[in-house]
C-alpha atoms as a PDB file:
ATOM      1  CA  GLN A   1     -14.368 -10.933 -29.592  1.00  0.00           C
ATOM      2  CA  GLU A   2     -13.486  -7.290 -30.101  1.00  0.00           C
ATOM      3  CA  THR A   3     -14.413  -4.713 -27.483  1.00  0.00           C
ATOM      4  CA  SER A   4     -15.807  -1.444 -28.787  1.00  0.00           C
ATOM      5  CA  ARG A   5     -14.402   1.865 -27.528  1.00  0.00           C
ATOM      6  CA  LYS A   6     -16.095   5.204 -27.250  1.00  0.00           C
ATOM      7  CA  LYS A   7     -14.620   8.032 -29.290  1.00  0.00           C
ATOM      8  CA  GLY A   8     -11.977   9.889 -27.326  1.00  0.00           C
ATOM      9  CA  SER A   9     -11.652   7.210 -24.619  1.00  0.00           C
ATOM     10  CA  GLN A  10      -7.950   6.769 -25.069  1.00  0.00           C
ATOM     11  CA  THR A  11      -5.765   5.526 -22.234  1.00  0.00           C
ATOM     12  CA  SER A  12      -3.474   8.301 -21.080  1.00  0.00           C
ATOM     13  CA  LEU A  13      -0.125   7.930 -19.376  1.00  0.00           C
ATOM     14  CA  LYS A  14      -1.034  11.000 -17.350  1.00  0.00           C
ATOM     15  CA  ASP A  15      -3.891   9.101 -15.659  1.00  0.00           C
ATOM     16  CA  PRO A  16      -2.304   5.914 -14.308  1.00  0.00           C
ATOM     17  CA  VAL A  17      -4.273   3.423 -12.261  1.00  0.00           C
ATOM     18  CA  GLY A  18      -4.292   4.520  -8.622  1.00  0.00           C
ATOM     19  CA  VAL A  19      -2.633   1.972  -6.351  1.00  0.00           C
ATOM     20  CA  TYR A  20      -3.463   2.302  -2.673  1.00  0.00           C
ATOM     21  CA  CYS A  21      -1.982   0.569   0.371  1.00  0.00           C
ATOM     22  CA  ARG A  22      -3.856  -0.266   3.548  1.00  0.00           C
ATOM     23  CA  VAL A  23      -1.806  -1.320   6.560  1.00  0.00           C
ATOM     24  CA  ARG A  24      -3.969  -3.522   8.733  1.00  0.00           C
ATOM     25  CA  PRO A  25      -3.462  -4.078  12.468  1.00  0.00           C
ATOM     26  CA  LEU A  26      -1.724  -7.306  13.451  1.00  0.00           C
ATOM     27  CA  SER A  27      -4.079 -10.123  14.376  1.00  0.00           C
ATOM     28  CA  LEU A  28      -1.988 -11.211  17.373  1.00  0.00           C
ATOM     29  CA  PRO A  29      -0.663  -8.613  19.838  1.00  0.00           C
ATOM     30  CA  ASP A  30       2.743 -10.305  20.180  1.00  0.00           C
ATOM     31  CA  GLN A  31       3.465 -10.308  16.441  1.00  0.00           C
ATOM     32  CA  GLU A  32       6.255  -8.060  15.203  1.00  0.00           C
ATOM     33  CA  CYS A  33       5.255  -5.490  12.598  1.00  0.00           C
ATOM     34  CA  CYS A  34       7.594  -5.140   9.634  1.00  0.00           C
ATOM     35  CA  ILE A  35       5.718  -2.305   7.863  1.00  0.00           C
ATOM     36  CA  GLU A  36       6.258   1.328   8.793  1.00  0.00           C
ATOM     37  CA  VAL A  37       4.115   4.121   7.371  1.00  0.00           C
ATOM     38  CA  ILE A  38       6.590   6.879   6.444  1.00  0.00           C
ATOM     39  CA  ASN A  39       3.998   9.371   5.170  1.00  0.00           C
ATOM     40  CA  ASN A  40       0.634   9.379   3.380  1.00  0.00           C
ATOM     41  CA  THR A  41       2.183   7.922   0.193  1.00  0.00           C
ATOM     42  CA  THR A  42       5.129   5.771   1.360  1.00  0.00           C
ATOM     43  CA  VAL A  43       5.678   2.620   3.423  1.00  0.00           C
ATOM     44  CA  GLN A  44       8.960   1.055   4.455  1.00  0.00           C
ATOM     45  CA  LEU A  45       9.459  -2.677   4.959  1.00  0.00           C
ATOM     46  CA  HIS A  46      11.777  -3.901   7.698  1.00  0.00           C
ATOM     47  CA  THR A  47      13.033  -7.432   8.161  1.00  0.00           C
ATOM     48  CA  PRO A  48      11.584  -8.707  11.473  1.00  0.00           C
ATOM     49  CA  GLU A  49      14.186  -8.692  14.252  1.00  0.00           C
ATOM     50  CA  GLY A  50      13.630 -12.366  15.063  1.00  0.00           C
ATOM     51  CA  TYR A  51      14.311 -13.340  11.468  1.00  0.00           C
ATOM     52  CA  ARG A  52      17.485 -11.246  11.281  1.00  0.00           C
ATOM     53  CA  LEU A  53      18.909 -12.890  14.408  1.00  0.00           C
ATOM     54  CA  ASN A  54      18.572 -16.352  12.849  1.00  0.00           C
ATOM     55  CA  GLN A  55      20.246 -15.413   9.554  1.00  0.00           C
ATOM     56  CA  ASN A  56      23.816 -14.417   8.765  1.00  0.00           C
ATOM     57  CA  ARG A  57      22.935 -11.836   6.113  1.00  0.00           C
ATOM     58  CA  ASP A  58      22.488  -8.102   5.814  1.00  0.00           C
ATOM     59  CA  TYR A  59      18.971  -6.928   5.058  1.00  0.00           C
ATOM     60  CA  GLU A  60      18.003  -3.667   3.449  1.00  0.00           C
ATOM     61  CA  GLU A  61      14.944  -1.674   4.291  1.00  0.00           C
ATOM     62  CA  THR A  62      12.794  -1.130   1.216  1.00  0.00           C
ATOM     63  CA  GLN A  63      10.407   1.735   0.533  1.00  0.00           C
ATOM     64  CA  TYR A  64       7.349   1.614  -1.716  1.00  0.00           C
ATOM     65  CA  SER A  65       5.228   4.525  -2.912  1.00  0.00           C
ATOM     66  CA  PHE A  66       1.482   4.515  -3.538  1.00  0.00           C
ATOM     67  CA  LYS A  67      -1.174   7.011  -4.492  1.00  0.00           C
ATOM     68  CA  GLN A  68      -2.173   6.963  -0.815  1.00  0.00           C
ATOM     69  CA  VAL A  69      -1.318   4.887   2.248  1.00  0.00           C
ATOM     70  CA  PHE A  70      -3.942   4.164   4.905  1.00  0.00           C
ATOM     71  CA  GLY A  71      -2.702   3.346   8.401  1.00  0.00           C
ATOM     72  CA  ILE A  72      -4.034   0.890  10.962  1.00  0.00           C
ATOM     73  CA  HIS A  73      -6.574   3.346  12.371  1.00  0.00           C
ATOM     74  CA  THR A  74      -8.307   3.997   9.027  1.00  0.00           C
ATOM     75  CA  THR A  75     -12.003   3.120   9.041  1.00  0.00           C
ATOM     76  CA  GLN A  76     -13.820   1.340   6.213  1.00  0.00           C
ATOM     77  CA  LYS A  77     -15.764   4.543   5.516  1.00  0.00           C
ATOM     78  CA  GLU A  78     -12.602   6.653   5.242  1.00  0.00           C
ATOM     79  CA  LEU A  79     -11.084   4.115   2.869  1.00  0.00           C
ATOM     80  CA  PHE A  80     -14.239   3.911   0.751  1.00  0.00           C
ATOM     81  CA  ASP A  81     -14.615   7.695   0.565  1.00  0.00           C
ATOM     82  CA  VAL A  82     -11.140   8.062  -0.944  1.00  0.00           C
ATOM     83  CA  VAL A  83     -10.762   4.908  -3.044  1.00  0.00           C
ATOM     84  CA  ALA A  84     -14.228   4.009  -4.319  1.00  0.00           C
ATOM     85  CA  ASN A  85     -16.134   7.275  -4.066  1.00  0.00           C
ATOM     86  CA  PRO A  86     -13.673  10.095  -4.833  1.00  0.00           C
ATOM     87  CA  TRP A  87     -16.349  12.506  -6.099  1.00  0.00           C
END
């Protein structure tokens, strides 16, 4: 089945889909966090220390960029206001 399109509703490379990241608090207080919020658009992943000690390899830290990163103290309302209700 073919989907109809409105006139002028062309997908533009200038308007990509917004990808957001929400860093949630750990569920157990003794868990080791491997995600660091660098700024409001970037997170960095670290290999957990306990895992590195048991392996004989070098691990690189990796950074990922998003339209916006929400930290562990972000409320549901703050997240909704930016992601689902940007007007």
